[in-house]
């Protein structure tokens, strides 16, 4: 379902200040509460976006990387948001899914970005359970986790629930919206320079009619 068709549910449930959306169209039908919008995609029906309420100024940082769907956005000149949607790559099979996330992290390490107050979030389309089968891919989620940790950036979910990667008890993705095809493939990594107030994952019974992915919601100071 297009984001414009499920945004009202998101607003009524969480009243978010800022949303990072993967797999969305560019549209003039987004809710009026999202005064600021940054969108990126190959065509008007397929892309990623960062949307915010009034009072949250978004400034997109233009960095030329060979990663298809990602955004780097500065919020009120203080916080950096990195939005990523890791996809299949028919032109370079080694850079599918987690390969794209790994490449993005490797490129960011060359900059000063990871030393700042930063949140990396999105649909990685990957879990550690597939790392062993990823020999044909450039990178693994294990490598990504280790690299960003050097910058004191860690997964909120795994810290909050004290769970290991690959052993997540709460799914974020239900393939074909089937309750028995559940995976944890969406992540929020955050700098320890940011204080978390609350974190939650949307429930299947509340969101299955709207999406195969559950929303990840964080409140920070």
N, C-alpha and C. Protein backbone atom coordinates (compact mmCIF):
# COMPACT_ATOMS: atom_id res chain seq x y z
N UNK A 1 0.84 -1.20 0.00
CA UNK A 1 0.00 0.00 0.00
C UNK A 1 0.88 1.25 0.00
N UNK A 2 0.54 2.22 -0.82
CA UNK A 2 1.29 3.46 -0.90
C UNK A 2 1.28 4.18 0.45
N UNK A 3 2.39 4.88 0.74
CA UNK A 3 2.49 5.58 2.02
C UNK A 3 1.37 6.59 2.21
N UNK A 4 0.95 7.25 1.13
CA UNK A 4 -0.11 8.25 1.26
C UNK A 4 -1.42 7.62 1.76
N UNK A 5 -1.57 6.29 1.57
CA UNK A 5 -2.80 5.63 1.99
C UNK A 5 -2.73 5.12 3.43
N UNK A 6 -1.53 5.07 4.00
CA UNK A 6 -1.40 4.60 5.37
C UNK A 6 -0.86 5.66 6.32
N UNK A 7 -0.61 6.87 5.78
CA UNK A 7 -0.05 7.91 6.62
C UNK A 7 -1.00 8.34 7.73
N UNK A 8 -2.32 8.31 7.48
CA UNK A 8 -3.27 8.72 8.50
C UNK A 8 -3.20 7.79 9.71
N UNK A 9 -3.07 6.49 9.45
CA UNK A 9 -2.92 5.51 10.53
C UNK A 9 -1.66 5.81 11.34
N UNK A 10 -0.59 6.12 10.66
CA UNK A 10 0.67 6.43 11.32
C UNK A 10 0.54 7.67 12.19
N UNK A 11 -0.12 8.68 11.67
CA UNK A 11 -0.31 9.94 12.39
C UNK A 11 -1.19 9.74 13.61
N UNK A 12 -2.30 9.04 13.43
CA UNK A 12 -3.23 8.82 14.54
C UNK A 12 -2.62 7.96 15.64
N UNK A 13 -1.75 7.04 15.27
CA UNK A 13 -1.16 6.13 16.25
C UNK A 13 0.02 6.75 16.98
N UNK A 14 0.88 7.44 16.26
CA UNK A 14 2.14 7.89 16.86
C UNK A 14 2.36 9.41 16.85
N UNK A 15 1.64 10.15 16.02
CA UNK A 15 1.84 11.59 15.90
C UNK A 15 3.32 11.93 15.76
N UNK A 16 3.98 11.41 14.74
CA UNK A 16 5.44 11.58 14.63
C UNK A 16 5.85 12.98 14.20
N UNK A 17 7.00 13.41 14.70
CA UNK A 17 7.58 14.68 14.26
C UNK A 17 8.30 14.52 12.93
N UNK A 18 8.98 13.39 12.78
CA UNK A 18 9.75 13.10 11.57
C UNK A 18 9.53 11.64 11.19
N UNK A 19 9.36 11.36 9.91
CA UNK A 19 9.24 9.97 9.46
C UNK A 19 10.25 9.70 8.35
N UNK A 20 10.84 8.52 8.40
CA UNK A 20 11.73 8.04 7.35
C UNK A 20 11.02 6.87 6.69
N UNK A 21 10.72 7.01 5.41
CA UNK A 21 9.92 6.02 4.70
C UNK A 21 10.73 5.40 3.57
N UNK A 22 10.66 4.07 3.50
CA UNK A 22 11.26 3.35 2.38
C UNK A 22 10.13 2.85 1.47
N UNK A 23 10.40 2.86 0.20
CA UNK A 23 9.43 2.41 -0.81
C UNK A 23 8.17 3.28 -0.79
N UNK A 24 8.33 4.51 -1.21
CA UNK A 24 7.18 5.42 -1.28
C UNK A 24 7.25 6.23 -2.57
N UNK A 25 6.11 6.75 -2.96
CA UNK A 25 6.02 7.57 -4.16
C UNK A 25 6.23 9.03 -3.81
N UNK A 26 6.47 9.84 -4.81
CA UNK A 26 6.47 11.28 -4.60
C UNK A 26 5.04 11.74 -4.84
N UNK A 27 4.49 12.49 -3.91
CA UNK A 27 3.07 12.80 -3.99
C UNK A 27 2.76 14.13 -3.34
N UNK A 28 1.76 14.81 -3.89
CA UNK A 28 1.27 16.03 -3.26
C UNK A 28 0.10 15.72 -2.33
N UNK A 29 -0.14 14.43 -2.09
CA UNK A 29 -1.25 14.01 -1.25
C UNK A 29 -0.82 13.63 0.16
N UNK A 30 0.42 13.91 0.51
CA UNK A 30 0.86 13.63 1.87
C UNK A 30 0.20 14.60 2.83
N UNK A 31 0.03 14.16 4.04
CA UNK A 31 -0.70 14.94 5.04
C UNK A 31 -0.09 16.32 5.21
N UNK A 32 -0.94 17.29 5.46
CA UNK A 32 -0.48 18.67 5.59
C UNK A 32 0.44 18.88 6.79
N UNK A 33 0.41 17.96 7.76
CA UNK A 33 1.28 18.11 8.92
C UNK A 33 2.75 17.94 8.54
N UNK A 34 3.00 17.26 7.41
CA UNK A 34 4.37 17.10 6.95
C UNK A 34 4.72 18.29 6.06
N UNK A 35 5.15 19.35 6.70
CA UNK A 35 5.43 20.59 5.98
C UNK A 35 6.71 20.48 5.16
N UNK A 36 7.66 19.72 5.65
CA UNK A 36 8.95 19.60 4.97
C UNK A 36 9.11 18.19 4.42
N UNK A 37 9.52 18.10 3.17
CA UNK A 37 9.61 16.80 2.51
C UNK A 37 10.88 16.73 1.66
N UNK A 38 11.60 15.62 1.81
CA UNK A 38 12.74 15.32 0.96
C UNK A 38 12.51 13.93 0.38
N UNK A 39 12.55 13.82 -0.93
CA UNK A 39 12.25 12.55 -1.59
C UNK A 39 13.32 12.25 -2.63
N UNK A 40 13.58 10.96 -2.84
CA UNK A 40 14.58 10.55 -3.83
C UNK A 40 14.13 9.24 -4.46
N UNK A 41 14.21 9.16 -5.79
CA UNK A 41 13.82 7.92 -6.46
C UNK A 41 14.09 7.95 -7.94
N UNK A 42 13.94 6.79 -8.56
CA UNK A 42 14.16 6.67 -10.00
C UNK A 42 12.95 7.12 -10.81
N UNK A 43 11.76 6.95 -10.24
CA UNK A 43 10.55 7.43 -10.89
C UNK A 43 9.57 7.86 -9.81
N UNK A 44 8.48 8.51 -10.19
CA UNK A 44 7.58 9.13 -9.22
C UNK A 44 6.86 8.12 -8.34
N UNK A 45 6.90 6.85 -8.70
CA UNK A 45 6.18 5.84 -7.94
C UNK A 45 7.06 5.00 -7.02
N UNK A 46 8.36 5.22 -7.05
CA UNK A 46 9.25 4.34 -6.30
C UNK A 46 10.47 5.10 -5.80
N UNK A 47 10.55 5.26 -4.47
CA UNK A 47 11.67 5.96 -3.89
C UNK A 47 11.64 5.91 -2.38
N UNK A 48 12.39 6.81 -1.74
CA UNK A 48 12.41 6.92 -0.29
C UNK A 48 12.22 8.38 0.08
N UNK A 49 11.76 8.62 1.30
CA UNK A 49 11.49 9.99 1.69
C UNK A 49 11.67 10.23 3.18
N UNK A 50 11.98 11.47 3.51
CA UNK A 50 12.02 11.94 4.89
C UNK A 50 11.06 13.12 4.97
N UNK A 51 10.11 13.06 5.89
CA UNK A 51 9.08 14.08 6.03
C UNK A 51 9.02 14.56 7.47
N UNK A 52 8.77 15.85 7.67
CA UNK A 52 8.76 16.38 9.04
C UNK A 52 7.68 17.43 9.23
N UNK A 53 7.33 17.62 10.50
CA UNK A 53 6.40 18.67 10.88
C UNK A 53 7.08 20.04 10.79
N UNK A 54 6.25 21.05 10.90
CA UNK A 54 6.76 22.42 10.97
C UNK A 54 7.65 22.55 12.20
N UNK A 55 8.74 23.26 12.05
CA UNK A 55 9.67 23.43 13.16
C UNK A 55 10.88 22.53 13.07
N UNK A 56 10.82 21.55 12.16
CA UNK A 56 11.95 20.66 11.93
C UNK A 56 12.47 20.89 10.52
N UNK A 57 13.53 21.66 10.42
CA UNK A 57 14.08 22.04 9.13
C UNK A 57 14.97 20.93 8.59
N UNK A 58 14.65 20.46 7.39
CA UNK A 58 15.40 19.38 6.76
C UNK A 58 16.33 19.94 5.68
N UNK A 59 17.58 19.53 5.74
CA UNK A 59 18.55 19.93 4.72
C UNK A 59 19.25 18.68 4.21
N UNK A 60 19.02 18.35 2.95
CA UNK A 60 19.62 17.14 2.39
C UNK A 60 21.09 17.39 2.05
N UNK A 61 21.94 16.46 2.47
CA UNK A 61 23.35 16.54 2.13
C UNK A 61 23.59 15.73 0.87
N UNK A 62 24.16 16.35 -0.12
CA UNK A 62 24.38 15.70 -1.41
C UNK A 62 25.75 15.02 -1.40
N UNK A 63 25.72 13.69 -1.35
CA UNK A 63 26.94 12.90 -1.40
C UNK A 63 26.79 11.87 -2.51
N UNK A 64 27.70 11.86 -3.42
CA UNK A 64 27.61 10.97 -4.58
C UNK A 64 28.21 9.61 -4.25
N UNK A 65 27.34 8.63 -4.02
CA UNK A 65 27.78 7.27 -3.71
C UNK A 65 27.06 6.29 -4.64
N UNK A 66 27.69 5.18 -4.88
CA UNK A 66 27.11 4.15 -5.75
C UNK A 66 26.18 3.25 -4.94
N UNK A 67 25.21 3.88 -4.29
CA UNK A 67 24.18 3.16 -3.53
C UNK A 67 22.85 3.74 -3.99
N UNK A 68 21.93 2.90 -4.39
CA UNK A 68 20.75 3.37 -5.10
C UNK A 68 19.82 4.21 -4.24
N UNK A 69 19.32 3.64 -3.16
CA UNK A 69 18.31 4.34 -2.37
C UNK A 69 18.83 4.68 -0.98
N UNK A 70 19.34 5.88 -0.82
CA UNK A 70 19.73 6.37 0.50
C UNK A 70 19.61 7.88 0.52
N UNK A 71 19.43 8.42 1.71
CA UNK A 71 19.38 9.87 1.91
C UNK A 71 20.16 10.21 3.16
N UNK A 72 20.83 11.35 3.14
CA UNK A 72 21.46 11.89 4.33
C UNK A 72 20.89 13.28 4.54
N UNK A 73 20.30 13.49 5.69
CA UNK A 73 19.55 14.71 5.94
C UNK A 73 19.94 15.30 7.29
N UNK A 74 20.17 16.59 7.32
CA UNK A 74 20.46 17.29 8.56
C UNK A 74 19.18 17.94 9.09
N UNK A 75 18.92 17.77 10.39
CA UNK A 75 17.72 18.31 11.01
C UNK A 75 18.10 19.44 11.95
N UNK A 76 17.62 20.63 11.63
CA UNK A 76 17.86 21.82 12.46
C UNK A 76 19.35 22.04 12.75
N UNK A 77 20.19 21.67 11.79
CA UNK A 77 21.64 21.86 11.91
C UNK A 77 22.25 21.13 13.10
N UNK A 78 21.56 20.09 13.60
CA UNK A 78 22.04 19.39 14.80
C UNK A 78 22.18 17.89 14.59
N UNK A 79 21.15 17.27 14.06
CA UNK A 79 21.05 15.82 13.98
C UNK A 79 21.12 15.36 12.53
N UNK A 80 21.84 14.27 12.29
CA UNK A 80 21.90 13.70 10.94
C UNK A 80 21.04 12.44 10.88
N UNK A 81 20.22 12.36 9.85
CA UNK A 81 19.41 11.17 9.59
C UNK A 81 19.89 10.53 8.30
N UNK A 82 20.11 9.22 8.36
CA UNK A 82 20.49 8.47 7.17
C UNK A 82 19.41 7.44 6.91
N UNK A 83 18.71 7.59 5.81
CA UNK A 83 17.59 6.73 5.44
C UNK A 83 18.05 5.81 4.31
N UNK A 84 17.85 4.49 4.46
CA UNK A 84 18.32 3.56 3.44
C UNK A 84 17.29 2.47 3.17
N UNK A 85 17.17 2.15 1.91
CA UNK A 85 16.32 1.04 1.46
C UNK A 85 17.21 0.14 0.61
N UNK A 86 17.65 -0.97 1.20
CA UNK A 86 18.56 -1.89 0.52
C UNK A 86 17.76 -2.82 -0.38
N UNK A 87 18.14 -2.84 -1.64
CA UNK A 87 17.37 -3.59 -2.63
C UNK A 87 18.23 -4.59 -3.39
N UNK A 88 17.56 -5.33 -4.24
CA UNK A 88 18.26 -6.20 -5.17
C UNK A 88 19.01 -5.33 -6.19
N UNK A 89 20.08 -5.83 -6.72
CA UNK A 89 20.86 -5.10 -7.73
C UNK A 89 21.13 -6.06 -8.89
N UNK A 90 20.38 -5.89 -9.95
CA UNK A 90 20.50 -6.82 -11.08
C UNK A 90 21.77 -6.56 -11.89
N UNK A 91 22.36 -5.39 -11.74
CA UNK A 91 23.58 -5.07 -12.48
C UNK A 91 24.83 -5.54 -11.75
N UNK A 92 24.79 -5.54 -10.43
CA UNK A 92 25.93 -5.97 -9.63
C UNK A 92 25.42 -6.87 -8.51
N UNK A 93 25.43 -8.17 -8.75
CA UNK A 93 24.85 -9.12 -7.80
C UNK A 93 25.58 -9.13 -6.47
N UNK A 94 26.84 -8.72 -6.44
CA UNK A 94 27.59 -8.70 -5.19
C UNK A 94 27.18 -7.54 -4.29
N UNK A 95 26.43 -6.61 -4.85
CA UNK A 95 26.04 -5.44 -4.07
C UNK A 95 24.54 -5.42 -3.81
N UNK A 96 23.95 -6.58 -3.66
CA UNK A 96 22.53 -6.67 -3.32
C UNK A 96 22.35 -6.51 -1.82
N UNK A 97 21.21 -5.97 -1.44
CA UNK A 97 20.77 -5.97 -0.05
C UNK A 97 21.85 -5.47 0.93
N UNK A 98 22.33 -6.35 1.80
CA UNK A 98 23.29 -5.91 2.81
C UNK A 98 24.57 -5.39 2.18
N UNK A 99 24.85 -5.81 0.94
CA UNK A 99 26.00 -5.29 0.23
C UNK A 99 25.91 -3.79 0.04
N UNK A 100 24.70 -3.27 -0.17
CA UNK A 100 24.50 -1.84 -0.33
C UNK A 100 24.71 -1.11 0.99
N UNK A 101 24.20 -1.69 2.08
CA UNK A 101 24.38 -1.09 3.40
C UNK A 101 25.87 -1.04 3.75
N UNK A 102 26.55 -2.14 3.49
CA UNK A 102 27.98 -2.22 3.78
C UNK A 102 28.77 -1.18 2.99
N UNK A 103 28.43 -1.02 1.72
CA UNK A 103 29.12 -0.03 0.89
C UNK A 103 28.87 1.38 1.41
N UNK A 104 27.63 1.66 1.80
CA UNK A 104 27.31 2.98 2.33
C UNK A 104 28.12 3.27 3.59
N UNK A 105 28.17 2.31 4.51
CA UNK A 105 28.93 2.50 5.74
C UNK A 105 30.41 2.71 5.45
N UNK A 106 30.96 1.93 4.54
CA UNK A 106 32.38 2.08 4.18
C UNK A 106 32.67 3.47 3.63
N UNK A 107 31.75 4.00 2.84
CA UNK A 107 31.95 5.34 2.29
C UNK A 107 31.79 6.41 3.37
N UNK A 108 30.86 6.22 4.28
CA UNK A 108 30.64 7.19 5.35
C UNK A 108 31.83 7.25 6.31
N UNK A 109 32.51 6.13 6.48
CA UNK A 109 33.68 6.09 7.35
C UNK A 109 34.76 7.05 6.85
N UNK A 110 34.79 7.28 5.55
CA UNK A 110 35.79 8.17 4.95
C UNK A 110 35.47 9.64 5.23
N UNK A 111 34.28 9.91 5.74
CA UNK A 111 33.86 11.28 6.04
C UNK A 111 33.83 11.49 7.55
N UNK A 112 33.33 12.64 7.97
CA UNK A 112 33.18 12.93 9.40
C UNK A 112 31.77 12.64 9.89
N UNK A 113 30.93 12.11 9.03
CA UNK A 113 29.51 11.97 9.34
C UNK A 113 29.24 11.08 10.54
N UNK A 114 29.93 9.95 10.64
CA UNK A 114 29.64 9.00 11.72
C UNK A 114 30.14 9.47 13.08
N UNK A 115 30.90 10.55 13.11
CA UNK A 115 31.34 11.12 14.39
C UNK A 115 30.32 12.09 14.97
N UNK A 116 29.28 12.37 14.22
CA UNK A 116 28.27 13.32 14.66
C UNK A 116 27.08 12.62 15.31
N UNK A 117 26.10 13.40 15.76
CA UNK A 117 24.85 12.83 16.25
C UNK A 117 24.10 12.30 15.05
N UNK A 118 24.04 10.99 14.91
CA UNK A 118 23.51 10.40 13.69
C UNK A 118 22.59 9.23 14.00
N UNK A 119 21.55 9.11 13.19
CA UNK A 119 20.65 7.96 13.22
C UNK A 119 20.66 7.33 11.84
N UNK A 120 20.93 6.05 11.77
CA UNK A 120 20.89 5.29 10.52
C UNK A 120 19.70 4.35 10.60
N UNK A 121 18.76 4.48 9.69
CA UNK A 121 17.54 3.68 9.79
C UNK A 121 17.07 3.26 8.42
N UNK A 122 16.37 2.12 8.39
CA UNK A 122 15.79 1.71 7.12
C UNK A 122 15.54 0.23 7.01
N UNK A 123 15.18 -0.14 5.80
CA UNK A 123 14.90 -1.53 5.45
C UNK A 123 16.16 -2.12 4.84
N UNK A 124 16.86 -2.95 5.62
CA UNK A 124 18.11 -3.55 5.14
C UNK A 124 17.84 -4.80 4.31
N UNK A 125 16.61 -5.32 4.38
CA UNK A 125 16.28 -6.56 3.68
C UNK A 125 17.26 -7.67 4.04
N UNK A 126 17.65 -7.71 5.31
CA UNK A 126 18.67 -8.67 5.70
C UNK A 126 18.62 -8.97 7.19
N UNK A 127 19.10 -10.16 7.53
CA UNK A 127 19.25 -10.57 8.92
C UNK A 127 20.53 -11.40 9.04
N UNK A 128 21.07 -11.46 10.22
CA UNK A 128 22.32 -12.19 10.43
C UNK A 128 22.20 -13.66 10.05
N UNK A 129 21.01 -14.21 10.11
CA UNK A 129 20.83 -15.63 9.78
C UNK A 129 21.24 -15.93 8.34
N UNK A 130 21.31 -14.89 7.51
CA UNK A 130 21.70 -15.08 6.11
C UNK A 130 23.17 -14.72 5.85
N UNK A 131 23.87 -14.26 6.88
CA UNK A 131 25.25 -13.84 6.68
C UNK A 131 26.13 -14.95 6.12
N UNK A 132 25.94 -16.17 6.60
CA UNK A 132 26.79 -17.28 6.17
C UNK A 132 26.58 -17.61 4.70
N UNK A 133 25.42 -17.27 4.19
CA UNK A 133 25.13 -17.57 2.79
C UNK A 133 25.44 -16.39 1.88
N UNK A 134 26.09 -15.36 2.43
CA UNK A 134 26.29 -14.12 1.66
C UNK A 134 27.71 -14.00 1.11
N UNK A 135 28.34 -15.12 0.82
CA UNK A 135 29.71 -15.07 0.31
C UNK A 135 29.80 -14.32 -1.01
N UNK A 136 28.72 -14.32 -1.76
CA UNK A 136 28.73 -13.63 -3.05
C UNK A 136 28.39 -12.14 -2.90
N UNK A 137 28.13 -11.72 -1.66
CA UNK A 137 27.81 -10.32 -1.41
C UNK A 137 29.01 -9.61 -0.78
N UNK A 138 29.13 -8.35 -1.06
CA UNK A 138 30.22 -7.55 -0.49
C UNK A 138 29.78 -7.02 0.87
N UNK A 139 30.00 -7.80 1.90
CA UNK A 139 29.65 -7.35 3.24
C UNK A 139 28.63 -8.25 3.90
N UNK A 140 28.44 -8.02 5.19
CA UNK A 140 27.47 -8.75 5.99
C UNK A 140 26.98 -7.82 7.08
N UNK A 141 25.87 -8.17 7.71
CA UNK A 141 25.39 -7.30 8.77
C UNK A 141 26.32 -7.36 9.98
N UNK A 142 27.00 -8.49 10.15
CA UNK A 142 27.98 -8.60 11.23
C UNK A 142 29.07 -7.57 11.06
N UNK A 143 29.57 -7.41 9.84
CA UNK A 143 30.60 -6.43 9.56
C UNK A 143 30.08 -5.01 9.75
N UNK A 144 28.86 -4.75 9.30
CA UNK A 144 28.26 -3.42 9.45
C UNK A 144 28.16 -3.05 10.93
N UNK A 145 27.66 -3.97 11.74
CA UNK A 145 27.50 -3.72 13.18
C UNK A 145 28.85 -3.42 13.83
N UNK A 146 29.86 -4.19 13.48
CA UNK A 146 31.19 -3.99 14.06
C UNK A 146 31.79 -2.65 13.66
N UNK A 147 31.59 -2.26 12.41
CA UNK A 147 32.19 -1.01 11.92
C UNK A 147 31.54 0.22 12.54
N UNK A 148 30.21 0.25 12.61
CA UNK A 148 29.56 1.44 13.17
C UNK A 148 29.76 1.52 14.68
N UNK A 149 29.96 0.38 15.32
CA UNK A 149 30.20 0.38 16.77
C UNK A 149 31.49 1.10 17.11
N UNK A 150 32.45 1.12 16.20
CA UNK A 150 33.69 1.85 16.42
C UNK A 150 33.43 3.34 16.57
N UNK A 151 32.28 3.79 16.08
CA UNK A 151 31.88 5.20 16.20
C UNK A 151 30.81 5.37 17.28
N UNK A 152 30.66 4.37 18.13
CA UNK A 152 29.65 4.38 19.21
C UNK A 152 28.24 4.53 18.65
N UNK A 153 28.00 3.83 17.55
CA UNK A 153 26.67 3.77 16.94
C UNK A 153 26.18 2.33 17.04
N UNK A 154 25.02 2.15 17.67
CA UNK A 154 24.53 0.79 17.90
C UNK A 154 23.03 0.70 17.63
N UNK A 155 22.57 -0.52 17.45
CA UNK A 155 21.15 -0.77 17.18
C UNK A 155 20.31 -0.54 18.44
N UNK A 156 19.30 0.29 18.31
CA UNK A 156 18.43 0.57 19.45
C UNK A 156 17.70 -0.70 19.88
N UNK A 157 17.16 -1.42 18.93
CA UNK A 157 16.40 -2.63 19.26
C UNK A 157 17.24 -3.59 20.10
N UNK A 158 18.43 -3.89 19.65
CA UNK A 158 19.24 -4.91 20.31
C UNK A 158 19.72 -4.44 21.68
N UNK A 159 19.91 -3.15 21.86
CA UNK A 159 20.26 -2.63 23.18
C UNK A 159 19.07 -2.62 24.12
N UNK A 160 17.92 -2.20 23.60
CA UNK A 160 16.73 -2.09 24.44
C UNK A 160 16.24 -3.46 24.91
N UNK A 161 16.27 -4.44 24.01
CA UNK A 161 15.74 -5.77 24.34
C UNK A 161 16.82 -6.77 24.73
N UNK A 162 18.07 -6.31 24.72
CA UNK A 162 19.20 -7.16 25.12
C UNK A 162 19.20 -8.48 24.35
N UNK A 163 19.08 -8.36 23.04
CA UNK A 163 19.07 -9.54 22.17
C UNK A 163 20.23 -9.47 21.18
N UNK A 164 20.66 -10.63 20.74
CA UNK A 164 21.74 -10.71 19.78
C UNK A 164 21.19 -10.64 18.35
N UNK A 165 22.03 -10.18 17.44
CA UNK A 165 21.65 -10.17 16.03
C UNK A 165 21.44 -11.61 15.56
N UNK A 166 20.36 -11.82 14.84
CA UNK A 166 20.01 -13.15 14.38
C UNK A 166 19.14 -13.92 15.35
N UNK A 167 18.93 -13.35 16.56
CA UNK A 167 18.10 -14.00 17.58
C UNK A 167 16.96 -13.09 18.02
N UNK A 168 16.53 -12.21 17.14
CA UNK A 168 15.48 -11.25 17.48
C UNK A 168 14.14 -11.96 17.71
N UNK A 169 13.45 -11.58 18.77
CA UNK A 169 12.16 -12.19 19.09
C UNK A 169 10.98 -11.41 18.52
N UNK A 170 11.23 -10.18 18.10
CA UNK A 170 10.16 -9.34 17.55
C UNK A 170 10.44 -9.09 16.08
N UNK A 171 9.58 -9.56 15.18
CA UNK A 171 9.80 -9.36 13.75
C UNK A 171 9.43 -7.94 13.31
N UNK A 172 10.04 -7.52 12.22
CA UNK A 172 9.69 -6.23 11.62
C UNK A 172 9.09 -6.40 10.23
N UNK A 173 9.16 -7.62 9.70
CA UNK A 173 8.73 -7.87 8.33
C UNK A 173 7.99 -9.20 8.25
N UNK A 174 6.79 -9.16 7.66
CA UNK A 174 5.98 -10.36 7.43
C UNK A 174 5.84 -10.56 5.92
N UNK A 175 6.61 -11.48 5.38
CA UNK A 175 6.61 -11.69 3.93
C UNK A 175 5.22 -12.09 3.45
N UNK A 176 4.76 -11.41 2.41
CA UNK A 176 3.43 -11.60 1.85
C UNK A 176 2.33 -11.36 2.89
N UNK A 177 2.71 -10.67 3.97
CA UNK A 177 1.81 -10.37 5.09
C UNK A 177 1.33 -11.64 5.80
N UNK A 178 2.10 -12.70 5.68
CA UNK A 178 1.77 -13.96 6.34
C UNK A 178 2.38 -13.99 7.74
N UNK A 179 1.58 -14.36 8.70
CA UNK A 179 2.03 -14.33 10.09
C UNK A 179 3.13 -15.35 10.37
N UNK A 180 3.21 -16.40 9.55
CA UNK A 180 4.23 -17.42 9.78
C UNK A 180 5.49 -17.19 8.95
N UNK A 181 5.55 -16.10 8.20
CA UNK A 181 6.75 -15.75 7.42
C UNK A 181 7.32 -14.46 7.98
N UNK A 182 7.89 -14.55 9.17
CA UNK A 182 8.30 -13.37 9.90
C UNK A 182 9.82 -13.28 10.02
N UNK A 183 10.30 -12.04 9.84
CA UNK A 183 11.74 -11.79 9.88
C UNK A 183 12.01 -10.44 10.53
N UNK A 184 13.24 -10.27 10.97
CA UNK A 184 13.68 -8.97 11.50
C UNK A 184 14.67 -8.40 10.51
N UNK A 185 14.22 -7.46 9.68
CA UNK A 185 15.06 -6.94 8.59
C UNK A 185 15.16 -5.42 8.57
N UNK A 186 14.50 -4.77 9.52
CA UNK A 186 14.51 -3.30 9.59
C UNK A 186 15.24 -2.87 10.86
N UNK A 187 16.00 -1.79 10.75
CA UNK A 187 16.89 -1.43 11.85
C UNK A 187 16.94 0.07 12.07
N UNK A 188 17.26 0.44 13.32
CA UNK A 188 17.59 1.82 13.67
C UNK A 188 18.88 1.78 14.47
N UNK A 189 19.94 2.35 13.90
CA UNK A 189 21.21 2.48 14.60
C UNK A 189 21.36 3.94 15.03
N UNK A 190 21.85 4.15 16.24
CA UNK A 190 21.89 5.52 16.74
C UNK A 190 23.18 5.78 17.52
N UNK A 191 23.70 6.98 17.37
CA UNK A 191 24.88 7.41 18.10
C UNK A 191 24.58 7.49 19.60
N UNK A 192 25.58 7.16 20.42
CA UNK A 192 25.37 7.27 21.86
C UNK A 192 25.39 8.72 22.33
N UNK A 193 25.57 9.65 21.40
CA UNK A 193 25.45 11.07 21.73
C UNK A 193 24.00 11.49 21.84
N UNK A 194 23.09 10.59 21.45
CA UNK A 194 21.65 10.86 21.48
C UNK A 194 21.02 10.03 22.58
N UNK A 195 20.18 10.65 23.38
CA UNK A 195 19.52 9.96 24.48
C UNK A 195 18.16 9.43 24.03
N UNK A 196 17.96 8.11 24.17
CA UNK A 196 16.68 7.49 23.82
C UNK A 196 15.71 7.58 24.99
N UNK A 197 14.49 8.02 24.72
CA UNK A 197 13.44 8.07 25.73
C UNK A 197 12.54 6.85 25.63
N UNK A 198 12.21 6.46 24.39
CA UNK A 198 11.32 5.32 24.20
C UNK A 198 11.58 4.70 22.82
N UNK A 199 11.31 3.40 22.72
CA UNK A 199 11.45 2.69 21.46
C UNK A 199 10.40 1.60 21.39
N UNK A 200 9.77 1.45 20.25
CA UNK A 200 8.76 0.39 20.10
C UNK A 200 8.70 -0.07 18.65
N UNK A 201 8.20 -1.29 18.48
CA UNK A 201 7.99 -1.88 17.16
C UNK A 201 6.50 -2.13 17.00
N UNK A 202 5.94 -1.71 15.86
CA UNK A 202 4.52 -1.90 15.61
C UNK A 202 4.13 -3.37 15.63
N UNK A 203 2.88 -3.64 15.98
CA UNK A 203 2.38 -5.01 16.10
C UNK A 203 1.66 -5.45 14.82
N UNK A 204 1.77 -6.72 14.53
CA UNK A 204 1.19 -7.31 13.32
C UNK A 204 -0.30 -7.02 13.21
N UNK A 205 -1.04 -7.23 14.28
CA UNK A 205 -2.50 -7.08 14.23
C UNK A 205 -2.92 -5.64 13.96
N UNK A 206 -2.05 -4.70 14.27
CA UNK A 206 -2.38 -3.29 14.06
C UNK A 206 -1.97 -2.79 12.68
N UNK A 207 -0.97 -3.44 12.07
CA UNK A 207 -0.38 -2.89 10.85
C UNK A 207 -0.48 -3.78 9.62
N UNK A 208 -0.91 -5.02 9.79
CA UNK A 208 -0.92 -5.93 8.65
C UNK A 208 -1.81 -5.46 7.51
N UNK A 209 -2.88 -4.75 7.82
CA UNK A 209 -3.76 -4.24 6.76
C UNK A 209 -3.11 -3.10 5.98
N UNK A 210 -2.02 -2.55 6.52
CA UNK A 210 -1.41 -1.38 5.91
C UNK A 210 -0.05 -1.67 5.26
N UNK A 211 0.68 -2.64 5.82
CA UNK A 211 2.03 -2.87 5.31
C UNK A 211 2.55 -4.23 5.75
N UNK A 212 3.52 -4.76 4.99
CA UNK A 212 4.20 -5.98 5.41
C UNK A 212 5.37 -5.68 6.34
N UNK A 213 5.72 -4.39 6.47
CA UNK A 213 6.75 -3.96 7.41
C UNK A 213 6.10 -3.24 8.58
N UNK A 214 6.62 -3.48 9.77
CA UNK A 214 6.12 -2.82 10.97
C UNK A 214 6.90 -1.52 11.20
N UNK A 215 6.24 -0.47 11.68
CA UNK A 215 6.96 0.77 11.98
C UNK A 215 7.87 0.60 13.19
N UNK A 216 9.04 1.21 13.13
CA UNK A 216 9.94 1.30 14.27
C UNK A 216 9.89 2.74 14.75
N UNK A 217 9.54 2.93 16.01
CA UNK A 217 9.26 4.27 16.53
C UNK A 217 10.22 4.59 17.67
N UNK A 218 10.90 5.72 17.57
CA UNK A 218 11.80 6.12 18.65
C UNK A 218 11.46 7.53 19.10
N UNK A 219 11.65 7.76 20.39
CA UNK A 219 11.54 9.10 20.96
C UNK A 219 12.89 9.44 21.57
N UNK A 220 13.42 10.58 21.20
CA UNK A 220 14.74 10.99 21.70
C UNK A 220 14.63 12.36 22.34
N UNK A 221 15.60 12.64 23.20
CA UNK A 221 15.63 13.96 23.83
C UNK A 221 16.23 14.98 22.88
